Amino acid sequence: LFKTKLLLMGKDVDIIMSKVMDDKQMLAIMDLLETTSIYCPHNMVPLLPLRIIKLSLSHGVCVNTAYGFAFYSGMLCHVGDVSGAYKYGKFALDIMQRMQAKEKYCRIH
C-alpha cells in the first residue's frame, strides 16, 4: 500500500490517462489480475489491484485500471485516509468514463 502511495504521489488523472495500454499480452494480464482478485484467497486480494495500478503506471491505462483504483480507494478508506480514498475513487470513475468502460460499472461502484 505504501509503495503504491509513493508511486502515485503528485500524479493526476490527466497524467495517468496520457498513455493508453495497447499491448495485447499486458491487456490479457490485466484481465487475469482483475478476475483472479475476485476469486483468490482473502489474504491475496489486496495485492492484485495494487499490481494493476503499478502496471498501469508503467504500461498505460486500460479498462481494468478503474477497478484497481476503486479497490485502492477502499483500502485507503479502511486505513483512515478518507480524502485520499475520495480522490482515487473519483480517479476510478474518471478512468471508467474516459475509457467508456460500461462493463466495469458494477465492479467500480
Protein backbone atom coordinates (compact mmCIF):
# COMPACT_ATOMS: atom_id res chain seq x y z
CA LEU A 1 0.00 0.00 0.00
CA PHE A 2 2.80 2.40 0.91
CA LYS A 3 4.76 1.73 -2.31
CA THR A 4 1.67 2.40 -4.39
CA LYS A 5 1.01 5.61 -2.49
CA LEU A 6 4.56 6.77 -3.28
CA LEU A 7 4.19 5.88 -6.97
CA LEU A 8 1.00 7.94 -7.22
CA MET A 9 2.27 10.97 -5.34
CA GLY A 10 1.91 14.10 -7.46
CA LYS A 11 0.12 12.40 -10.37
CA ASP A 12 -3.33 13.43 -11.52
CA VAL A 13 -5.76 11.63 -13.80
CA ASP A 14 -4.61 13.53 -16.91
CA ILE A 15 -1.01 12.38 -16.42
CA ILE A 16 -2.08 8.79 -15.84
CA MET A 17 -4.52 8.83 -18.79
CA SER A 18 -1.88 10.23 -21.16
CA LYS A 19 -0.69 6.71 -22.02
CA VAL A 20 -3.19 4.03 -23.06
CA MET A 21 -2.18 0.37 -22.90
CA ASP A 22 -2.16 -1.29 -26.32
CA ASP A 23 -0.03 -4.41 -25.73
CA LYS A 24 -2.39 -7.39 -26.09
CA GLN A 25 -0.35 -9.53 -23.70
CA MET A 26 -0.46 -6.85 -20.98
CA LEU A 27 -4.20 -6.39 -21.53
CA ALA A 28 -4.68 -10.13 -21.01
CA ILE A 29 -2.58 -9.98 -17.84
CA MET A 30 -4.69 -7.09 -16.53
CA ASP A 31 -7.91 -9.03 -17.19
CA LEU A 32 -6.44 -12.03 -15.41
CA LEU A 33 -5.37 -9.96 -12.39
CA GLU A 34 -8.80 -8.39 -12.05
CA THR A 35 -10.71 -11.66 -12.38
CA THR A 36 -8.33 -13.50 -10.08
CA SER A 37 -8.68 -10.84 -7.38
CA ILE A 38 -12.36 -11.72 -7.09
CA TYR A 39 -11.77 -15.45 -6.58
CA CYS A 40 -8.39 -15.64 -4.83
CA PRO A 41 -7.81 -16.32 -1.11
CA HIS A 42 -8.75 -13.41 1.15
CA ASN A 43 -5.15 -12.59 2.15
CA MET A 44 -4.10 -12.22 -1.51
CA VAL A 45 -6.94 -9.92 -2.59
CA PRO A 46 -5.21 -6.54 -1.94
CA LEU A 47 -2.07 -7.47 -3.85
CA LEU A 48 -3.71 -7.88 -7.24
CA PRO A 49 -5.45 -4.47 -7.57
CA LEU A 50 -2.25 -2.80 -6.39
CA ARG A 51 -0.37 -4.68 -9.12
CA ILE A 52 -2.96 -3.44 -11.64
CA ILE A 53 -2.17 0.14 -10.62
CA LYS A 54 1.59 -0.38 -10.82
CA LEU A 55 1.35 -1.98 -14.27
CA SER A 56 -0.96 0.81 -15.43
CA LEU A 57 1.57 3.44 -14.39
CA SER A 58 4.35 1.73 -16.32
CA HIS A 59 2.49 0.32 -19.36
CA GLY A 60 -0.53 2.60 -19.74
CA VAL A 61 -4.16 2.70 -18.72
CA CYS A 62 -6.81 0.16 -19.68
CA VAL A 63 -10.36 -0.57 -18.53
CA ASN A 64 -9.04 -2.68 -15.64
CA THR A 65 -7.20 0.32 -14.23
CA ALA A 66 -10.50 1.73 -12.99
CA TYR A 67 -11.04 -1.42 -10.90
CA GLY A 68 -7.55 -1.12 -9.44
CA PHE A 69 -8.14 2.48 -8.37
CA ALA A 70 -11.61 1.71 -6.98
CA PHE A 71 -10.15 -1.06 -4.83
CA TYR A 72 -7.24 1.16 -3.78
CA SER A 73 -9.75 3.81 -2.76
CA GLY A 74 -11.48 1.31 -0.48
CA MET A 75 -8.15 0.33 1.06
CA LEU A 76 -7.32 3.97 1.81
CA CYS A 77 -10.71 4.45 3.45
CA HIS A 78 -10.08 1.35 5.58
CA VAL A 79 -6.83 2.84 6.94
CA GLY A 80 -8.46 6.21 7.62
CA ASP A 81 -7.29 8.24 4.62
CA VAL A 82 -10.73 9.48 3.61
CA SER A 83 -9.50 12.36 1.43
CA GLY A 84 -7.17 10.01 -0.47
CA ALA A 85 -9.98 7.48 -0.80
CA TYR A 86 -12.24 10.14 -2.28
CA LYS A 87 -9.54 11.29 -4.70
CA TYR A 88 -8.76 7.81 -6.04
CA GLY A 89 -12.42 6.76 -6.05
CA LYS A 90 -13.06 9.75 -8.29
CA PHE A 91 -10.00 8.69 -10.32
CA ALA A 92 -11.62 5.30 -10.89
CA LEU A 93 -14.86 6.89 -12.06
CA ASP A 94 -12.98 9.31 -14.35
CA ILE A 95 -10.98 6.49 -15.91
CA MET A 96 -14.12 4.40 -16.39
CA GLN A 97 -15.87 7.33 -18.07
CA ARG A 98 -12.92 8.27 -20.31
CA MET A 99 -12.35 4.65 -21.36
CA GLN A 100 -16.11 4.18 -21.84
CA ALA A 101 -15.86 1.04 -19.73
CA LYS A 102 -19.54 0.47 -19.01
CA GLU A 103 -18.88 -3.24 -18.46
CA LYS A 104 -16.90 -2.32 -15.32
CA TYR A 105 -19.70 -0.24 -13.81
CA CYS A 106 -20.82 -2.82 -11.21
CA ARG A 107 -17.25 -3.52 -10.04
CA ILE A 108 -16.35 0.16 -9.73
CA HIS A 109 -19.48 1.26 -7.88
